[in-house]
């Protein structure tokens, strides 16, 4: 017997798909595309990649990224942040300057010599070189005191010396009872005058302090041009407030005996230039 032949299997026809674009009302075929299953997968993958690429380009290179991407910082926001940082830095520097200024004013009220100003660059250089900052400050302060004492000793004809005395008037019509003596910590002169005598501004300027201190009593400090200060202590009352503008001869207070460092009615008057005390007799004509 002959062996039976196995029946041959008829190969299944491969599935093919047809993508058709029809008009809705008439169902007229407008466009058709035949694809195989494998081609359909690649077509779907290509479509997804194209959508992703289009979305990326739209978000990355158009203004949509400012609201489409959570946490994205726009260029305007970055500019405002940079401006805010700049203003913060400026305010920080200004606060530092004001802090040093107030410390110097406190030193004036307490009869001490204010610390000289040091720039950040100089201190940084000193730290980098391993120098002792405290020693640097002490040396600079001693040099400043020595320079001030030399200028006061030879002040005739020098800028800010006796040649400028004519523009400053006496703060009170009285006599000097205690002269300038920095070796004893007496950074001004004491002027004795009758009770209720008016205390006048020695020149035009701005009142930067008008208040009560423990040592100086009722005190007025006036800022003049060229970084000059006049200080009026131990008054019985004040006739100005902080921020007032005054002219030469304007009444700022009434002579008195206030404060812990006063032993009788008088005016303690001080004169400061560039943060250093100067003998008022070198700048102002005072009665002996």
C-alpha atoms as a PDB file:
ATOM      1  CA  UNK A   1       0.000   0.000   0.000  1.00  0.00           C
ATOM      2  CA  UNK A   2       1.112   3.452  -0.797  1.00  0.00           C
ATOM      3  CA  UNK A   3       1.512   5.769   2.146  1.00  0.00           C
ATOM      4  CA  UNK A   4      -1.148   8.369   2.441  1.00  0.00           C
ATOM      5  CA  UNK A   5      -0.097  11.872   1.657  1.00  0.00           C
ATOM      6  CA  UNK A   6      -0.646  14.433   4.366  1.00  0.00           C
ATOM      7  CA  UNK A   7      -3.112  17.018   3.281  1.00  0.00           C
ATOM      8  CA  UNK A   8      -1.381  20.299   2.517  1.00  0.00           C
ATOM      9  CA  UNK A   9      -2.499  23.234   4.584  1.00  0.00           C
ATOM     10  CA  UNK A  10      -3.632  26.236   2.707  1.00  0.00           C
ATOM     11  CA  UNK A  11      -1.698  29.250   4.011  1.00  0.00           C
ATOM     12  CA  UNK A  12      -3.879  31.752   5.747  1.00  0.00           C
ATOM     13  CA  UNK A  13      -4.123  35.032   3.949  1.00  0.00           C
ATOM     14  CA  UNK A  14      -2.210  37.800   5.714  1.00  0.00           C
ATOM     15  CA  UNK A  15      -4.392  40.353   7.396  1.00  0.00           C
ATOM     16  CA  UNK A  16      -4.323  43.707   5.771  1.00  0.00           C
ATOM     17  CA  UNK A  17      -5.966  46.854   7.019  1.00  0.00           C
ATOM     18  CA  UNK A  18      -7.308  49.772   5.140  1.00  0.00           C
ATOM     19  CA  UNK A  19      -7.460  53.261   6.537  1.00  0.00           C
ATOM     20  CA  UNK A  20     -10.211  55.199   4.872  1.00  0.00           C
ATOM     21  CA  UNK A  21     -11.108  58.875   5.027  1.00  0.00           C
ATOM     22  CA  UNK A  22     -14.771  59.426   4.087  1.00  0.00           C
ATOM     23  CA  UNK A  23     -17.024  62.421   3.812  1.00  0.00           C
ATOM     24  CA  UNK A  24     -19.552  62.312   6.650  1.00  0.00           C
ATOM     25  CA  UNK A  25     -22.707  63.069   4.707  1.00  0.00           C
ATOM     26  CA  UNK A  26     -22.204  61.043   1.509  1.00  0.00           C
ATOM     27  CA  UNK A  27     -19.669  58.495   2.796  1.00  0.00           C
ATOM     28  CA  UNK A  28     -17.671  59.258  -0.342  1.00  0.00           C
ATOM     29  CA  UNK A  29     -14.184  57.885  -0.066  1.00  0.00           C
ATOM     30  CA  UNK A  30     -11.655  60.688  -0.035  1.00  0.00           C
ATOM     31  CA  UNK A  31      -8.505  58.900   0.950  1.00  0.00           C
ATOM     32  CA  UNK A  32      -7.487  55.294   1.594  1.00  0.00           C
ATOM     33  CA  UNK A  33      -4.368  53.529   2.770  1.00  0.00           C
ATOM     34  CA  UNK A  34      -3.731  49.789   2.919  1.00  0.00           C
ATOM     35  CA  UNK A  35      -1.378  48.688   5.641  1.00  0.00           C
ATOM     36  CA  UNK A  36      -0.228  45.435   7.140  1.00  0.00           C
ATOM     37  CA  UNK A  37      -0.353  44.782  10.874  1.00  0.00           C
ATOM     38  CA  UNK A  38       3.387  45.385  11.204  1.00  0.00           C
ATOM     39  CA  UNK A  39       3.160  48.588   9.230  1.00  0.00           C
ATOM     40  CA  UNK A  40       0.243  49.699  11.387  1.00  0.00           C
ATOM     41  CA  UNK A  41       2.364  49.301  14.514  1.00  0.00           C
ATOM     42  CA  UNK A  42       5.185  51.370  13.018  1.00  0.00           C
ATOM     43  CA  UNK A  43       2.686  53.959  11.835  1.00  0.00           C
ATOM     44  CA  UNK A  44       1.209  54.246  15.337  1.00  0.00           C
ATOM     45  CA  UNK A  45       4.704  54.484  16.865  1.00  0.00           C
ATOM     46  CA  UNK A  46       5.708  57.166  14.376  1.00  0.00           C
ATOM     47  CA  UNK A  47       2.563  59.138  15.124  1.00  0.00           C
ATOM     48  CA  UNK A  48       3.263  59.018  18.867  1.00  0.00           C
ATOM     49  CA  UNK A  49       6.880  60.142  18.365  1.00  0.00           C
ATOM     50  CA  UNK A  50       5.745  62.952  16.087  1.00  0.00           C
ATOM     51  CA  UNK A  51       3.263  64.151  18.705  1.00  0.00           C
ATOM     52  CA  UNK A  52       5.936  64.002  21.415  1.00  0.00           C
ATOM     53  CA  UNK A  53       8.400  65.951  19.263  1.00  0.00           C
ATOM     54  CA  UNK A  54       5.787  68.559  18.387  1.00  0.00           C
ATOM     55  CA  UNK A  55       4.800  68.930  22.026  1.00  0.00           C
ATOM     56  CA  UNK A  56       8.439  69.321  23.093  1.00  0.00           C
ATOM     57  CA  UNK A  57       9.134  71.988  20.474  1.00  0.00           C
ATOM     58  CA  UNK A  58       5.935  73.845  21.369  1.00  0.00           C
ATOM     59  CA  UNK A  59       6.680  73.807  25.093  1.00  0.00           C
ATOM     60  CA  UNK A  60      10.414  74.436  24.894  1.00  0.00           C
ATOM     61  CA  UNK A  61      10.516  77.219  22.333  1.00  0.00           C
ATOM     62  CA  UNK A  62       7.240  79.096  22.784  1.00  0.00           C
ATOM     63  CA  UNK A  63       5.728  81.155  25.637  1.00  0.00           C
ATOM     64  CA  UNK A  64       3.551  78.147  26.505  1.00  0.00           C
ATOM     65  CA  UNK A  65       6.381  76.791  28.634  1.00  0.00           C
ATOM     66  CA  UNK A  66       5.711  79.451  31.282  1.00  0.00           C
ATOM     67  CA  UNK A  67       2.349  77.914  32.234  1.00  0.00           C
ATOM     68  CA  UNK A  68       2.659  74.386  30.809  1.00  0.00           C
ATOM     69  CA  UNK A  69       5.764  73.413  32.818  1.00  0.00           C
ATOM     70  CA  UNK A  70       5.226  73.307  36.606  1.00  0.00           C
ATOM     71  CA  UNK A  71       7.845  75.367  38.443  1.00  0.00           C
ATOM     72  CA  UNK A  72       9.263  76.944  35.314  1.00  0.00           C
ATOM     73  CA  UNK A  73      10.754  80.398  35.939  1.00  0.00           C
ATOM     74  CA  UNK A  74      10.072  82.878  33.181  1.00  0.00           C
ATOM     75  CA  UNK A  75      12.634  85.390  31.989  1.00  0.00           C
ATOM     76  CA  UNK A  76      10.625  88.203  33.567  1.00  0.00           C
ATOM     77  CA  UNK A  77      10.599  86.384  36.892  1.00  0.00           C
ATOM     78  CA  UNK A  78      14.345  85.811  36.643  1.00  0.00           C
ATOM     79  CA  UNK A  79      14.868  89.503  35.936  1.00  0.00           C
ATOM     80  CA  UNK A  80      12.736  90.444  38.935  1.00  0.00           C
ATOM     81  CA  UNK A  81      14.660  87.986  41.118  1.00  0.00           C
ATOM     82  CA  UNK A  82      17.978  89.485  40.016  1.00  0.00           C
ATOM     83  CA  UNK A  83      16.664  92.970  40.759  1.00  0.00           C
ATOM     84  CA  UNK A  84      15.419  91.815  44.159  1.00  0.00           C
ATOM     85  CA  UNK A  85      18.824  90.327  44.982  1.00  0.00           C
ATOM     86  CA  UNK A  86      20.523  93.565  43.915  1.00  0.00           C
ATOM     87  CA  UNK A  87      18.198  95.653  46.068  1.00  0.00           C
ATOM     88  CA  UNK A  88      18.651  93.270  48.993  1.00  0.00           C
ATOM     89  CA  UNK A  89      22.422  93.567  48.701  1.00  0.00           C
ATOM     90  CA  UNK A  90      22.184  97.373  48.515  1.00  0.00           C
ATOM     91  CA  UNK A  91      19.882  97.472  51.547  1.00  0.00           C
ATOM     92  CA  UNK A  92      22.224  95.178  53.433  1.00  0.00           C
ATOM     93  CA  UNK A  93      25.150  97.503  52.725  1.00  0.00           C
ATOM     94  CA  UNK A  94      23.050 100.538  53.677  1.00  0.00           C
ATOM     95  CA  UNK A  95      21.988  98.907  56.949  1.00  0.00           C
ATOM     96  CA  UNK A  96      25.621  98.110  57.696  1.00  0.00           C
ATOM     97  CA  UNK A  97      26.593 101.745  57.091  1.00  0.00           C
ATOM     98  CA  UNK A  98      23.707 102.980  59.248  1.00  0.00           C
ATOM     99  CA  UNK A  99      24.667 100.526  61.991  1.00  0.00           C
ATOM    100  CA  UNK A 100      28.251 101.811  62.048  1.00  0.00           C
ATOM    101  CA  UNK A 101      26.957 105.387  61.988  1.00  0.00           C
ATOM    102  CA  UNK A 102      24.672 104.787  64.983  1.00  0.00           C
ATOM    103  CA  UNK A 103      27.494 103.110  66.891  1.00  0.00           C
ATOM    104  CA  UNK A 104      29.673 106.147  66.250  1.00  0.00           C
ATOM    105  CA  UNK A 105      26.856 108.437  67.423  1.00  0.00           C
ATOM    106  CA  UNK A 106      26.587 106.395  70.616  1.00  0.00           C
ATOM    107  CA  UNK A 107      30.325 106.763  71.088  1.00  0.00           C
ATOM    108  CA  UNK A 108      29.966 110.536  70.670  1.00  0.00           C
ATOM    109  CA  UNK A 109      27.249 110.648  73.326  1.00  0.00           C
ATOM    110  CA  UNK A 110      29.359 108.557  75.704  1.00  0.00           C
ATOM    111  CA  UNK A 111      32.464 110.673  75.137  1.00  0.00           C
ATOM    112  CA  UNK A 112      34.432 107.991  73.326  1.00  0.00           C
ATOM    113  CA  UNK A 113      36.324 108.150  70.028  1.00  0.00           C
ATOM    114  CA  UNK A 114      34.381 106.297  67.282  1.00  0.00           C
ATOM    115  CA  UNK A 115      36.055 103.409  65.522  1.00  0.00           C
ATOM    116  CA  UNK A 116      37.451 104.304  62.082  1.00  0.00           C
ATOM    117  CA  UNK A 117      35.688 102.871  59.057  1.00  0.00           C
ATOM    118  CA  UNK A 118      37.234  99.845  57.357  1.00  0.00           C
ATOM    119  CA  UNK A 119      36.323  98.683  53.870  1.00  0.00           C
ATOM    120  CA  UNK A 120      35.485  95.047  53.203  1.00  0.00           C
ATOM    121  CA  UNK A 121      38.356  94.817  50.740  1.00  0.00           C
ATOM    122  CA  UNK A 122      40.963  95.898  53.268  1.00  0.00           C
ATOM    123  CA  UNK A 123      39.708  93.474  55.933  1.00  0.00           C
ATOM    124  CA  UNK A 124      39.576  90.610  53.437  1.00  0.00           C
ATOM    125  CA  UNK A 125      43.123  91.297  52.334  1.00  0.00           C
ATOM    126  CA  UNK A 126      44.231  91.342  55.953  1.00  0.00           C
ATOM    127  CA  UNK A 127      42.544  88.016  56.643  1.00  0.00           C
ATOM    128  CA  UNK A 128      44.035  86.418  53.520  1.00  0.00           C
ATOM    129  CA  UNK A 129      47.513  87.510  54.489  1.00  0.00           C
ATOM    130  CA  UNK A 130      47.070  86.157  58.007  1.00  0.00           C
ATOM    131  CA  UNK A 131      47.303  89.620  59.618  1.00  0.00           C
ATOM    132  CA  UNK A 132      45.733  90.226  62.982  1.00  0.00           C
ATOM    133  CA  UNK A 133      42.594  92.329  62.437  1.00  0.00           C
ATOM    134  CA  UNK A 134      42.513  93.731  65.966  1.00  0.00           C
ATOM    135  CA  UNK A 135      46.119  94.878  65.688  1.00  0.00           C
ATOM    136  CA  UNK A 136      45.332  96.483  62.333  1.00  0.00           C
ATOM    137  CA  UNK A 137      42.403  98.392  63.829  1.00  0.00           C
ATOM    138  CA  UNK A 138      44.466  99.570  66.810  1.00  0.00           C
ATOM    139  CA  UNK A 139      47.320 100.769  64.596  1.00  0.00           C
ATOM    140  CA  UNK A 140      44.917 102.605  62.306  1.00  0.00           C
ATOM    141  CA  UNK A 141      43.163 104.237  65.251  1.00  0.00           C
ATOM    142  CA  UNK A 142      46.451 105.378  66.742  1.00  0.00           C
ATOM    143  CA  UNK A 143      47.522 106.789  63.378  1.00  0.00           C
ATOM    144  CA  UNK A 144      44.213 108.624  63.092  1.00  0.00           C
ATOM    145  CA  UNK A 145      44.562 110.121  66.560  1.00  0.00           C
ATOM    146  CA  UNK A 146      48.148 111.162  65.845  1.00  0.00           C
ATOM    147  CA  UNK A 147      47.120 112.781  62.548  1.00  0.00           C
ATOM    148  CA  UNK A 148      44.248 114.650  64.219  1.00  0.00           C
ATOM    149  CA  UNK A 149      46.502 115.919  66.994  1.00  0.00           C
ATOM    150  CA  UNK A 150      49.058 117.152  64.431  1.00  0.00           C
ATOM    151  CA  UNK A 151      46.352 118.887  62.411  1.00  0.00           C
ATOM    152  CA  UNK A 152      45.021 120.585  65.516  1.00  0.00           C
ATOM    153  CA  UNK A 153      48.500 121.697  66.542  1.00  0.00           C
ATOM    154  CA  UNK A 154      49.177 123.290  63.145  1.00  0.00           C
ATOM    155  CA  UNK A 155      45.628 124.226  62.171  1.00  0.00           C
ATOM    156  CA  UNK A 156      46.295 127.861  61.207  1.00  0.00           C
ATOM    157  CA  UNK A 157      45.827 128.308  57.462  1.00  0.00           C
ATOM    158  CA  UNK A 158      44.913 124.662  56.926  1.00  0.00           C
ATOM    159  CA  UNK A 159      41.544 123.608  55.451  1.00  0.00           C
ATOM    160  CA  UNK A 160      39.039 123.399  58.294  1.00  0.00           C
ATOM    161  CA  UNK A 161      41.383 125.264  60.620  1.00  0.00           C
ATOM    162  CA  UNK A 162      41.209 128.759  62.108  1.00  0.00           C
ATOM    163  CA  UNK A 163      40.615 130.179  58.637  1.00  0.00           C
ATOM    164  CA  UNK A 164      37.127 128.643  58.814  1.00  0.00           C
ATOM    165  CA  UNK A 165      36.349 129.957  62.291  1.00  0.00           C
ATOM    166  CA  UNK A 166      34.386 132.916  60.970  1.00  0.00           C
ATOM    167  CA  UNK A 167      31.544 130.749  59.612  1.00  0.00           C
ATOM    168  CA  UNK A 168      30.792 129.173  63.022  1.00  0.00           C
ATOM    169  CA  UNK A 169      29.192 131.153  65.833  1.00  0.00           C
ATOM    170  CA  UNK A 170      29.344 130.527  69.580  1.00  0.00           C
ATOM    171  CA  UNK A 171      26.545 128.206  70.786  1.00  0.00           C
ATOM    172  CA  UNK A 172      25.829 130.295  73.901  1.00  0.00           C
ATOM    173  CA  UNK A 173      26.735 133.693  75.326  1.00  0.00           C
ATOM    174  CA  UNK A 174      28.894 132.487  78.165  1.00  0.00           C
ATOM    175  CA  UNK A 175      32.427 131.793  79.295  1.00  0.00           C
ATOM    176  CA  UNK A 176      34.549 128.650  79.173  1.00  0.00           C
ATOM    177  CA  UNK A 177      34.672 126.943  82.572  1.00  0.00           C
ATOM    178  CA  UNK A 178      36.381 123.741  81.485  1.00  0.00           C
ATOM    179  CA  UNK A 179      38.520 123.539  78.349  1.00  0.00           C
ATOM    180  CA  UNK A 180      39.016 120.662  75.909  1.00  0.00           C
ATOM    181  CA  UNK A 181      41.135 117.948  77.542  1.00  0.00           C
ATOM    182  CA  UNK A 182      41.166 114.590  75.695  1.00  0.00           C
ATOM    183  CA  UNK A 183      43.664 113.095  78.156  1.00  0.00           C
ATOM    184  CA  UNK A 184      40.892 113.199  80.755  1.00  0.00           C
ATOM    185  CA  UNK A 185      38.215 112.066  78.314  1.00  0.00           C
ATOM    186  CA  UNK A 186      36.775 115.584  78.072  1.00  0.00           C
ATOM    187  CA  UNK A 187      36.095 115.819  74.336  1.00  0.00           C
ATOM    188  CA  UNK A 188      34.512 119.267  74.397  1.00  0.00           C
ATOM    189  CA  UNK A 189      34.325 122.540  76.315  1.00  0.00           C
ATOM    190  CA  UNK A 190      31.996 123.567  79.147  1.00  0.00           C
ATOM    191  CA  UNK A 191      30.313 126.951  78.775  1.00  0.00           C
ATOM    192  CA  UNK A 192      28.682 128.665  81.736  1.00  0.00           C
ATOM    193  CA  UNK A 193      25.813 131.103  81.077  1.00  0.00           C
ATOM    194  CA  UNK A 194      22.840 132.517  83.004  1.00  0.00           C
ATOM    195  CA  UNK A 195      19.845 130.255  83.626  1.00  0.00           C
ATOM    196  CA  UNK A 196      17.384 129.922  80.741  1.00  0.00           C
ATOM    197  CA  UNK A 197      20.009 131.129  78.248  1.00  0.00           C
ATOM    198  CA  UNK A 198      19.206 129.969  74.695  1.00  0.00           C
ATOM    199  CA  UNK A 199      21.531 127.415  73.106  1.00  0.00           C
ATOM    200  CA  UNK A 200      22.010 128.190  69.425  1.00  0.00           C
ATOM    201  CA  UNK A 201      23.189 126.188  66.434  1.00  0.00           C
ATOM    202  CA  UNK A 202      26.737 127.165  65.504  1.00  0.00           C
ATOM    203  CA  UNK A 203      25.945 126.775  61.791  1.00  0.00           C
ATOM    204  CA  UNK A 204      23.461 125.443  59.264  1.00  0.00           C
ATOM    205  CA  UNK A 205      22.764 121.731  59.339  1.00  0.00           C
ATOM    206  CA  UNK A 206      20.356 118.896  60.149  1.00  0.00           C
ATOM    207  CA  UNK A 207      19.436 117.615  63.604  1.00  0.00           C
ATOM    208  CA  UNK A 208      20.365 113.934  63.626  1.00  0.00           C
ATOM    209  CA  UNK A 209      19.670 113.379  67.341  1.00  0.00           C
ATOM    210  CA  UNK A 210      17.461 115.194  69.822  1.00  0.00           C
ATOM    211  CA  UNK A 211      16.745 113.233  72.967  1.00  0.00           C
ATOM    212  CA  UNK A 212      17.808 112.244  76.473  1.00  0.00           C
ATOM    213  CA  UNK A 213      20.926 110.266  77.369  1.00  0.00           C
ATOM    214  CA  UNK A 214      22.044 109.150  80.816  1.00  0.00           C
ATOM    215  CA  UNK A 215      25.386 110.952  80.745  1.00  0.00           C
ATOM    216  CA  UNK A 216      24.577 113.954  78.562  1.00  0.00           C
ATOM    217  CA  UNK A 217      21.004 114.631  79.642  1.00  0.00           C
ATOM    218  CA  UNK A 218      18.936 116.469  77.059  1.00  0.00           C
ATOM    219  CA  UNK A 219      21.242 116.333  74.037  1.00  0.00           C
ATOM    220  CA  UNK A 220      21.212 117.705  70.484  1.00  0.00           C
ATOM    221  CA  UNK A 221      23.540 116.582  67.682  1.00  0.00           C
ATOM    222  CA  UNK A 222      23.632 118.550  64.423  1.00  0.00           C
ATOM    223  CA  UNK A 223      25.195 117.312  61.181  1.00  0.00           C
ATOM    224  CA  UNK A 224      26.930 120.095  59.239  1.00  0.00           C
ATOM    225  CA  UNK A 225      28.594 120.089  55.833  1.00  0.00           C
ATOM    226  CA  UNK A 226      31.934 118.357  55.174  1.00  0.00           C
ATOM    227  CA  UNK A 227      31.197 115.577  57.709  1.00  0.00           C
ATOM    228  CA  UNK A 228      31.165 117.883  60.754  1.00  0.00           C
ATOM    229  CA  UNK A 229      29.097 117.434  63.920  1.00  0.00           C
ATOM    230  CA  UNK A 230      28.234 119.792  66.748  1.00  0.00           C
ATOM    231  CA  UNK A 231      27.041 118.333  70.062  1.00  0.00           C
ATOM    232  CA  UNK A 232      25.076 120.204  72.780  1.00  0.00           C
ATOM    233  CA  UNK A 233      24.621 118.445  76.154  1.00  0.00           C
ATOM    234  CA  UNK A 234      23.059 118.955  79.634  1.00  0.00           C
ATOM    235  CA  UNK A 235      20.191 121.178  78.431  1.00  0.00           C
ATOM    236  CA  UNK A 236      17.041 121.736  80.476  1.00  0.00           C
ATOM    237  CA  UNK A 237      14.819 121.340  77.405  1.00  0.00           C
ATOM    238  CA  UNK A 238      15.078 120.832  73.658  1.00  0.00           C
ATOM    239  CA  UNK A 239      13.462 123.074  71.043  1.00  0.00           C
ATOM    240  CA  UNK A 240      14.166 120.860  68.000  1.00  0.00           C
ATOM    241  CA  UNK A 241      13.443 117.302  66.980  1.00  0.00           C
ATOM    242  CA  UNK A 242      15.387 114.763  64.943  1.00  0.00           C
ATOM    243  CA  UNK A 243      15.285 115.624  61.245  1.00  0.00           C
ATOM    244  CA  UNK A 244      14.821 119.398  61.670  1.00  0.00           C
ATOM    245  CA  UNK A 245      16.827 121.746  59.466  1.00  0.00           C
ATOM    246  CA  UNK A 246      18.486 124.619  61.353  1.00  0.00           C
ATOM    247  CA  UNK A 247      20.417 127.727  60.384  1.00  0.00           C
ATOM    248  CA  UNK A 248      23.161 129.626  62.182  1.00  0.00           C
ATOM    249  CA  UNK A 249      21.805 131.146  65.365  1.00  0.00           C
ATOM    250  CA  UNK A 250      18.599 129.105  65.537  1.00  0.00           C
ATOM    251  CA  UNK A 251      17.673 128.203  69.126  1.00  0.00           C
ATOM    252  CA  UNK A 252      17.923 124.426  69.590  1.00  0.00           C
ATOM    253  CA  UNK A 253      17.722 124.145  73.400  1.00  0.00           C
ATOM    254  CA  UNK A 254      17.795 125.941  76.754  1.00  0.00           C
ATOM    255  CA  UNK A 255      20.871 125.671  78.968  1.00  0.00           C
ATOM    256  CA  UNK A 256      20.440 123.384  81.954  1.00  0.00           C
ATOM    257  CA  UNK A 257      21.871 120.781  84.332  1.00  0.00           C
ATOM    258  CA  UNK A 258      20.536 117.438  83.077  1.00  0.00           C
ATOM    259  CA  UNK A 259      22.459 114.174  82.907  1.00  0.00           C
ATOM    260  CA  UNK A 260      24.708 112.212  85.261  1.00  0.00           C
ATOM    261  CA  UNK A 261      27.893 114.013  84.139  1.00  0.00           C
ATOM    262  CA  UNK A 262      26.645 117.510  85.008  1.00  0.00           C
ATOM    263  CA  UNK A 263      27.363 119.246  88.329  1.00  0.00           C
ATOM    264  CA  UNK A 264      25.722 122.594  87.592  1.00  0.00           C
ATOM    265  CA  UNK A 265      23.944 124.619  84.906  1.00  0.00           C
ATOM    266  CA  UNK A 266      26.169 124.793  81.847  1.00  0.00           C
ATOM    267  CA  UNK A 267      26.474 123.680  78.220  1.00  0.00           C
ATOM    268  CA  UNK A 268      28.888 120.926  77.259  1.00  0.00           C
ATOM    269  CA  UNK A 269      29.741 121.571  73.609  1.00  0.00           C
ATOM    270  CA  UNK A 270      31.708 119.224  71.307  1.00  0.00           C
ATOM    271  CA  UNK A 271      32.967 119.581  67.730  1.00  0.00           C
ATOM    272  CA  UNK A 272      33.682 116.521  65.536  1.00  0.00           C
ATOM    273  CA  UNK A 273      35.202 116.310  62.057  1.00  0.00           C
ATOM    274  CA  UNK A 274      35.227 113.075  60.023  1.00  0.00           C
ATOM    275  CA  UNK A 275      34.473 111.035  63.143  1.00  0.00           C
ATOM    276  CA  UNK A 276      37.226 112.582  65.298  1.00  0.00           C
ATOM    277  CA  UNK A 277      36.923 115.135  68.124  1.00  0.00           C
ATOM    278  CA  UNK A 278      38.479 118.557  67.587  1.00  0.00           C
ATOM    279  CA  UNK A 279      39.060 121.334  70.119  1.00  0.00           C
ATOM    280  CA  UNK A 280      36.081 123.689  69.569  1.00  0.00           C
ATOM    281  CA  UNK A 281      38.305 126.659  70.371  1.00  0.00           C
ATOM    282  CA  UNK A 282      40.146 126.022  67.092  1.00  0.00           C
ATOM    283  CA  UNK A 283      36.953 126.401  65.074  1.00  0.00           C
ATOM    284  CA  UNK A 284      34.706 128.717  67.066  1.00  0.00           C
ATOM    285  CA  UNK A 285      35.352 132.020  68.839  1.00  0.00           C
ATOM    286  CA  UNK A 286      34.589 131.324  72.473  1.00  0.00           C
ATOM    287  CA  UNK A 287      34.720 133.715  75.399  1.00  0.00           C
ATOM    288  CA  UNK A 288      37.525 132.863  77.852  1.00  0.00           C
END
